Amino acid sequence: MDLQAIRTESPRILLDFLTYTETIRGKSTKTAQEYYLDLRLFLRFIKRSRGLVPSDTPFAEISISDLDENFFRSITLSDAYDYLLYLTNDRPKHQNSPMTAYGDIASTRARKISTIRSFFNYLTEKIHILETNPMAQLDSPKRKKALPQYLSASDSMQLLSNVDGEYPERDYCILTFFLNCGMRVSELTGINMSDIQDNRLRILGKGNKERTVYLNEACLLALRAYLPKRIHPLPQFQNALFISRNRKRISPSTVKWLVKRHLMVAGLDASKYSVHKLRHTAATLMYQNGVDVRTLKDVLGHVSLDTTMIYTHLSDENMQKAADKNPLSGVAPPFRSVPRPKPADEEDEE
């Protein structure tokens, strides 16, 4: 989203909130832009539902630049519930497709509701144009708690063993960094040459928060193999570590594409796994091999320990081992008439 477009299309109150989000709360420009898109959608919905625009006005063309303090004072909790119902049932997933499905998933709705709550808290607590916060009781939709998907250690080895293409050293290094450091795609593409000091890597994470991770031997070997093959960058991208074929800093979209490609080449399910699943893989493998959850939190750059706790699940194999290690696991019942269980392939046929 173009920053000039945001300034042109936004009421003063919204612009001030976005500035507060970046400068005081320390959120990234990308996060502020996402807040803007979420709030623009909400405000467009209210204008349309109240009949404040002609009925034939395309949703994407509803302007919010004319909204004033009185409009924001008029918004109620009922407006938010109506909006949530719209997100659940009626919002098209693909705005310009006549074949689109409808309804946002729970996690997307939860993010939008979180944005609304933050904005109205700002209106109430920071600039005091509201006496009471109408969104104080606005609950987020319940989200299904699914365990993160990840590659097994053997799958990860299979992925790394099948790297090919025009820039194999670069792509191998990228995959190795993902699988060993657990970084986000935005963090990987943002790495500069100057961020690497010996075996230490400085990472700029979400909200411009810095952290240091340590490069293990696999990462250092991959880096040494890549640097002599690094594409000569354009002058303005001299410091970028990973360079694209057009001699610029590699983009997140390019990284996502090449990860999908290498997954397919390795014979892995590219529809099931993604760049973020490589982050899950690194976290899960570290935890399963003895890294404690608080250290893992710092490695991943999580603010809350609760976020890291999703990686503390155990594989079925580990759970089976735990059951087998119980000192009572081999004790048979004292009844001679009780037969031992037959293996599955020896079960009597019905």
Protein backbone atom coordinates (compact mmCIF):
# COMPACT_ATOMS: atom_id res chain seq x y z
CA MET A 1 0.00 0.00 0.00
CA ASP A 2 1.46 3.36 -1.05
CA LEU A 3 2.08 5.66 1.93
CA GLN A 4 0.95 8.70 -0.04
CA ALA A 5 -2.34 6.95 -0.80
CA ILE A 6 -2.82 6.31 2.92
CA ARG A 7 -2.26 9.98 3.69
CA THR A 8 -4.67 11.04 0.96
CA GLU A 9 -7.43 8.58 1.82
CA SER A 10 -7.32 8.73 5.63
CA PRO A 11 -9.02 11.08 8.09
CA ARG A 12 -6.68 12.94 10.43
CA ILE A 13 -7.61 10.76 13.42
CA LEU A 14 -6.60 7.57 11.61
CA LEU A 15 -3.31 9.06 10.42
CA ASP A 16 -2.47 10.10 13.99
CA PHE A 17 -3.24 6.56 15.21
CA LEU A 18 -0.91 5.05 12.59
CA THR A 19 1.84 7.47 13.59
CA TYR A 20 1.31 6.59 17.27
CA THR A 21 1.47 2.89 16.34
CA GLU A 22 4.89 3.28 14.74
CA THR A 23 6.57 5.92 16.88
CA ILE A 24 5.24 5.18 20.37
CA ARG A 25 4.29 1.49 20.25
CA GLY A 26 7.29 0.63 18.07
CA LYS A 27 5.36 -1.33 15.44
CA SER A 28 6.80 -1.71 11.97
CA THR A 29 5.62 0.27 8.96
CA LYS A 30 4.18 -2.95 7.54
CA THR A 31 2.13 -3.51 10.71
CA ALA A 32 0.85 0.08 10.58
CA GLN A 33 -0.20 -0.47 6.97
CA GLU A 34 -2.06 -3.65 7.96
CA TYR A 35 -3.85 -1.68 10.70
CA TYR A 36 -4.87 0.87 8.10
CA LEU A 37 -6.29 -1.77 5.74
CA ASP A 38 -8.21 -3.43 8.58
CA LEU A 39 -9.71 -0.13 9.78
CA ARG A 40 -10.49 1.05 6.25
CA LEU A 41 -12.50 -2.12 5.68
CA PHE A 42 -14.38 -1.64 8.97
CA LEU A 43 -15.17 2.01 8.28
CA ARG A 44 -16.25 1.31 4.70
CA PHE A 45 -18.60 -1.37 6.01
CA ILE A 46 -20.19 1.05 8.48
CA LYS A 47 -20.66 3.76 5.84
CA ARG A 48 -22.34 1.29 3.51
CA SER A 49 -24.51 -0.31 6.20
CA ARG A 50 -25.74 3.13 7.30
CA GLY A 51 -26.59 4.16 3.75
CA LEU A 52 -24.00 6.96 3.72
CA VAL A 53 -22.92 6.13 0.15
CA PRO A 54 -25.03 5.41 -2.95
CA SER A 55 -26.07 1.75 -3.01
CA ASP A 56 -24.33 1.13 -6.34
CA THR A 57 -20.94 2.38 -5.09
CA PRO A 58 -18.34 -0.43 -5.35
CA PHE A 59 -17.11 -1.38 -1.90
CA ALA A 60 -13.48 -0.75 -2.86
CA GLU A 61 -14.34 2.83 -3.89
CA ILE A 62 -15.98 3.92 -0.64
CA SER A 63 -13.96 6.86 0.70
CA ILE A 64 -13.21 7.26 4.40
CA SER A 65 -11.35 10.58 4.12
CA ASP A 66 -14.45 12.59 5.15
CA LEU A 67 -14.95 10.92 8.54
CA ASP A 68 -14.81 13.21 11.57
CA GLU A 69 -14.86 12.87 15.36
CA ASN A 70 -18.66 12.69 15.47
CA PHE A 71 -18.63 9.67 13.18
CA PHE A 72 -16.21 7.80 15.43
CA ARG A 73 -18.27 8.75 18.50
CA SER A 74 -21.33 7.22 16.83
CA ILE A 75 -19.78 3.75 16.37
CA THR A 76 -21.21 1.14 18.74
CA LEU A 77 -20.50 -2.40 19.80
CA SER A 78 -23.47 -3.46 17.65
CA ASP A 79 -21.65 -2.06 14.60
CA ALA A 80 -18.69 -4.28 15.42
CA TYR A 81 -20.90 -7.35 15.80
CA ASP A 82 -22.58 -6.62 12.44
CA TYR A 83 -19.11 -6.26 10.92
CA LEU A 84 -17.98 -9.55 12.44
CA LEU A 85 -21.02 -11.26 10.93
CA TYR A 86 -20.11 -9.75 7.55
CA LEU A 87 -16.54 -11.04 7.86
CA THR A 88 -17.79 -14.49 8.79
CA ASN A 89 -20.40 -14.98 6.08
CA ASP A 90 -20.34 -12.34 3.37
CA ARG A 91 -16.87 -10.98 2.76
CA PRO A 92 -15.51 -12.28 -0.56
CA LYS A 93 -12.15 -14.01 -0.27
CA HIS A 94 -11.13 -12.78 -3.72
CA GLN A 95 -12.55 -9.35 -4.39
CA ASN A 96 -12.35 -9.42 -8.19
CA SER A 97 -13.34 -13.02 -8.86
CA PRO A 98 -16.94 -14.00 -9.70
CA MET A 99 -16.11 -17.53 -8.48
CA THR A 100 -14.91 -16.45 -5.04
CA ALA A 101 -15.77 -18.15 -1.78
CA TYR A 102 -16.99 -16.06 1.14
CA GLY A 103 -15.99 -15.57 4.75
CA ASP A 104 -12.68 -14.94 6.53
CA ILE A 105 -11.15 -17.67 8.66
CA ALA A 106 -11.20 -17.23 12.45
CA SER A 107 -7.55 -16.14 12.71
CA THR A 108 -8.10 -13.38 10.13
CA ARG A 109 -11.24 -12.17 11.90
CA ALA A 110 -9.39 -12.20 15.21
CA ARG A 111 -6.63 -10.00 13.80
CA LYS A 112 -9.16 -7.49 12.45
CA ILE A 113 -10.97 -7.38 15.79
CA SER A 114 -7.65 -6.84 17.58
CA THR A 115 -6.98 -3.85 15.31
CA ILE A 116 -10.38 -2.34 16.11
CA ARG A 117 -9.81 -2.77 19.85
CA SER A 118 -6.39 -1.09 19.61
CA PHE A 119 -7.82 1.83 17.66
CA PHE A 120 -10.71 2.45 20.04
CA ASN A 121 -8.43 2.14 23.03
CA TYR A 122 -6.35 4.90 21.43
CA LEU A 123 -9.46 7.07 20.92
CA THR A 124 -10.46 6.57 24.55
CA GLU A 125 -7.22 6.45 26.52
CA LYS A 126 -4.80 8.52 24.43
CA ILE A 127 -6.66 11.33 22.67
CA HIS A 128 -9.84 11.22 24.80
CA ILE A 129 -12.42 11.86 22.10
CA LEU A 130 -14.48 9.04 23.64
CA GLU A 131 -15.55 8.94 27.29
CA THR A 132 -16.05 5.20 27.27
CA ASN A 133 -14.64 2.56 24.97
CA PRO A 134 -17.49 0.84 23.07
CA MET A 135 -15.13 -2.01 22.10
CA ALA A 136 -13.98 -2.85 25.63
CA GLN A 137 -16.23 -5.92 25.66
CA LEU A 138 -15.56 -6.98 22.06
CA ASP A 139 -14.37 -10.58 22.14
CA SER A 140 -12.23 -12.23 19.50
CA PRO A 141 -13.67 -15.24 17.67
CA LYS A 142 -12.52 -18.57 19.02
CA ARG A 143 -9.73 -20.06 16.97
CA LYS A 144 -9.11 -23.71 16.46
CA LYS A 145 -5.89 -24.62 18.22
CA ALA A 146 -3.99 -26.64 15.66
CA LEU A 147 -0.50 -27.98 16.23
CA PRO A 148 2.09 -26.47 13.88
CA GLN A 149 3.02 -28.54 10.86
CA TYR A 150 6.68 -29.26 10.37
CA LEU A 151 9.13 -31.38 8.43
CA SER A 152 10.73 -34.31 10.17
CA ALA A 153 14.51 -34.43 10.42
CA SER A 154 14.60 -36.94 7.54
CA ASP A 155 12.28 -34.73 5.44
CA SER A 156 14.56 -31.76 6.13
CA MET A 157 17.58 -33.77 5.00
CA GLN A 158 15.68 -34.79 1.88
CA LEU A 159 14.94 -31.13 1.13
CA LEU A 160 18.56 -30.06 1.57
CA SER A 161 19.85 -33.01 -0.47
CA ASN A 162 17.83 -32.08 -3.55
CA VAL A 163 18.65 -28.40 -4.04
CA ASP A 164 19.25 -27.63 -7.71
CA GLY A 165 18.55 -24.82 -10.14
CA GLU A 166 20.40 -21.74 -11.34
CA TYR A 167 21.56 -20.59 -7.89
CA PRO A 168 21.92 -23.76 -5.78
CA GLU A 169 24.44 -22.32 -3.31
CA ARG A 170 22.20 -19.35 -2.51
CA ASP A 171 19.06 -21.44 -2.21
CA TYR A 172 20.81 -24.06 -0.08
CA CYS A 173 22.04 -21.35 2.27
CA ILE A 174 18.54 -19.87 2.53
CA LEU A 175 16.99 -23.24 3.36
CA THR A 176 19.75 -23.99 5.87
CA PHE A 177 19.20 -20.67 7.65
CA PHE A 178 15.45 -21.31 7.85
CA LEU A 179 15.83 -24.86 9.16
CA ASN A 180 18.53 -24.04 11.72
CA CYS A 181 17.68 -20.54 12.92
CA GLY A 182 13.88 -20.53 12.76
CA MET A 183 13.66 -17.03 11.33
CA ARG A 184 10.73 -15.40 9.56
CA VAL A 185 10.91 -14.74 5.82
CA SER A 186 11.01 -10.96 6.38
CA GLU A 187 13.92 -11.46 8.77
CA LEU A 188 15.86 -13.58 6.28
CA THR A 189 15.40 -11.19 3.36
CA GLY A 190 16.44 -8.30 5.60
CA ILE A 191 19.81 -9.79 6.56
CA ASN A 192 22.77 -7.57 5.70
CA MET A 193 26.39 -8.62 5.29
CA SER A 194 27.25 -6.39 8.25
CA ASP A 195 24.78 -8.31 10.46
CA ILE A 196 27.13 -11.33 10.52
CA GLN A 197 30.03 -11.24 12.96
CA ASP A 198 31.89 -14.54 13.23
CA ASN A 199 29.14 -17.02 14.23
CA ARG A 200 26.69 -14.37 15.44
CA LEU A 201 23.82 -13.09 13.33
CA ARG A 202 21.90 -9.93 14.17
CA ILE A 203 18.23 -10.22 13.19
CA LEU A 204 15.76 -7.36 12.93
CA GLY A 205 12.42 -8.89 13.90
CA LYS A 206 8.82 -7.78 14.17
CA GLY A 207 8.33 -4.31 15.61
CA ASN A 208 11.99 -3.50 14.78
CA LYS A 209 13.11 -5.61 17.74
CA GLU A 210 16.69 -6.85 17.46
CA ARG A 211 17.96 -10.22 18.59
CA THR A 212 21.11 -12.24 18.09
CA VAL A 213 21.17 -15.86 17.01
CA TYR A 214 24.20 -18.08 16.67
CA LEU A 215 25.08 -19.78 13.40
CA ASN A 216 25.91 -23.45 13.81
CA GLU A 217 28.40 -25.35 11.65
CA ALA A 218 25.79 -26.17 8.99
CA CYS A 219 24.95 -22.48 8.57
CA LEU A 220 28.59 -21.42 8.45
CA LEU A 221 29.44 -24.08 5.86
CA ALA A 222 26.44 -23.08 3.73
CA LEU A 223 27.43 -19.42 4.01
CA ARG A 224 31.03 -20.15 2.96
CA ALA A 225 29.78 -22.06 -0.06
CA TYR A 226 27.37 -19.28 -1.02
CA LEU A 227 29.45 -16.10 -0.68
CA PRO A 228 31.87 -16.83 -3.58
CA LYS A 229 28.80 -17.46 -5.77
CA ARG A 230 26.83 -14.42 -4.54
CA ILE A 231 25.40 -12.40 -7.43
CA HIS A 232 27.15 -9.04 -7.80
CA PRO A 233 24.52 -6.59 -6.49
CA LEU A 234 23.56 -3.14 -7.68
CA PRO A 235 25.34 -0.39 -5.69
CA GLN A 236 22.33 0.35 -3.46
CA PHE A 237 22.10 -3.32 -2.46
CA GLN A 238 25.79 -3.94 -1.70
CA ASN A 239 25.07 -4.80 1.94
CA ALA A 240 22.22 -7.25 1.29
CA LEU A 241 23.20 -10.86 1.97
CA PHE A 242 20.82 -12.65 -0.37
CA ILE A 243 20.66 -11.22 -3.90
CA SER A 244 18.13 -11.96 -6.63
CA ARG A 245 18.84 -12.53 -10.29
CA ASN A 246 18.04 -8.85 -11.00
CA ARG A 247 20.89 -7.89 -8.61
CA LYS A 248 18.59 -6.53 -5.90
CA ARG A 249 17.88 -7.69 -2.36
CA ILE A 250 15.85 -10.87 -2.69
CA SER A 251 12.15 -10.35 -1.97
CA PRO A 252 9.91 -12.37 0.38
CA SER A 253 7.75 -13.43 -2.57
CA THR A 254 10.78 -14.82 -4.40
CA VAL A 255 11.89 -16.72 -1.31
CA LYS A 256 8.40 -18.19 -0.86
CA TRP A 257 8.41 -19.28 -4.51
CA LEU A 258 11.82 -20.91 -4.39
CA VAL A 259 10.99 -22.77 -1.16
CA LYS A 260 7.86 -24.20 -2.80
CA ARG A 261 9.89 -25.19 -5.84
CA HIS A 262 12.56 -26.99 -3.82
CA LEU A 263 9.91 -28.79 -1.77
CA MET A 264 8.40 -30.14 -5.00
CA VAL A 265 11.79 -31.13 -6.40
CA ALA A 266 12.50 -33.01 -3.16
CA GLY A 267 9.24 -34.93 -3.52
CA LEU A 268 7.64 -33.26 -0.48
CA ASP A 269 4.09 -31.93 -0.34
CA ALA A 270 4.48 -28.28 -1.38
CA SER A 271 0.79 -27.62 -0.71
CA LYS A 272 1.23 -28.70 2.91
CA TYR A 273 4.48 -26.91 3.70
CA SER A 274 5.64 -23.33 3.27
CA VAL A 275 8.36 -20.92 4.35
CA HIS A 276 6.68 -20.46 7.73
CA LYS A 277 6.50 -24.23 8.15
CA LEU A 278 10.32 -24.24 7.95
CA ARG A 279 10.29 -21.92 10.97
CA HIS A 280 7.99 -24.42 12.69
CA THR A 281 10.41 -27.18 11.71
CA ALA A 282 13.42 -25.47 13.24
CA ALA A 283 11.55 -24.74 16.46
CA THR A 284 10.11 -28.23 16.80
CA LEU A 285 13.37 -30.04 16.09
CA MET A 286 15.24 -27.83 18.57
CA TYR A 287 12.64 -28.46 21.27
CA GLN A 288 12.55 -32.20 20.63
CA ASN A 289 16.32 -32.32 20.97
CA GLY A 290 16.56 -30.65 24.34
CA VAL A 291 16.31 -26.87 23.85
CA ASP A 292 14.25 -25.47 26.73
CA VAL A 293 11.20 -23.38 25.90
CA ARG A 294 12.55 -20.11 27.31
CA THR A 295 15.68 -20.31 25.19
CA LEU A 296 13.52 -21.22 22.21
CA LYS A 297 11.43 -18.09 22.85
CA ASP A 298 14.53 -15.91 22.52
CA VAL A 299 15.76 -17.75 19.41
CA LEU A 300 12.41 -17.25 17.66
CA GLY A 301 11.97 -13.66 18.80
CA HIS A 302 8.61 -14.21 20.48
CA VAL A 303 7.30 -11.55 22.85
CA SER A 304 5.15 -13.97 24.82
CA LEU A 305 6.12 -17.38 26.14
CA ASP A 306 2.56 -18.51 25.34
CA THR A 307 3.35 -18.18 21.63
CA THR A 308 6.39 -20.42 21.99
CA MET A 309 4.44 -23.06 23.91
CA ILE A 310 2.78 -24.33 20.72
CA TYR A 311 6.14 -25.91 19.83
CA THR A 312 6.17 -28.05 22.96
CA HIS A 313 3.99 -30.71 21.37
CA LEU A 314 5.55 -34.14 21.00
CA SER A 315 5.60 -36.40 17.98
CA ASP A 316 3.69 -39.67 18.08
CA GLU A 317 7.02 -41.49 18.13
CA ASN A 318 8.17 -39.63 21.23
CA MET A 319 4.85 -40.25 22.93
CA GLN A 320 5.18 -43.97 22.16
CA LYS A 321 8.70 -43.98 23.60
CA ALA A 322 7.45 -42.26 26.73
CA ALA A 323 4.78 -44.92 27.18
CA ASP A 324 7.28 -47.73 26.61
CA LYS A 325 9.71 -46.29 29.18
CA ASN A 326 7.17 -46.56 31.99
CA PRO A 327 8.60 -49.20 34.36
CA LEU A 328 5.20 -50.87 34.44
CA SER A 329 4.90 -51.06 30.65
CA GLY A 330 5.80 -54.76 30.47
CA VAL A 331 3.71 -56.01 33.37
CA ALA A 332 1.15 -58.63 32.28
CA PRO A 333 -2.08 -59.32 34.16
CA PRO A 334 -1.89 -62.25 36.62
CA PHE A 335 -4.64 -64.16 34.84
CA ARG A 336 -3.25 -67.08 32.86
CA SER A 337 -6.35 -67.13 30.67
CA VAL A 338 -5.65 -63.66 29.27
CA PRO A 339 -3.84 -64.05 25.92
CA ARG A 340 -1.22 -61.57 24.81
CA PRO A 341 -2.44 -59.20 22.06
CA LYS A 342 -1.85 -60.46 18.55
CA PRO A 343 -0.06 -58.25 16.05
CA ALA A 344 -2.43 -56.41 13.74
CA ASP A 345 -1.59 -58.62 10.77
CA GLU A 346 -2.50 -61.74 12.74
CA GLU A 347 -5.93 -60.57 13.88
CA ASP A 348 -8.71 -63.08 13.25
CA GLU A 349 -10.80 -62.22 10.24
CA GLU A 350 -14.47 -61.52 10.84
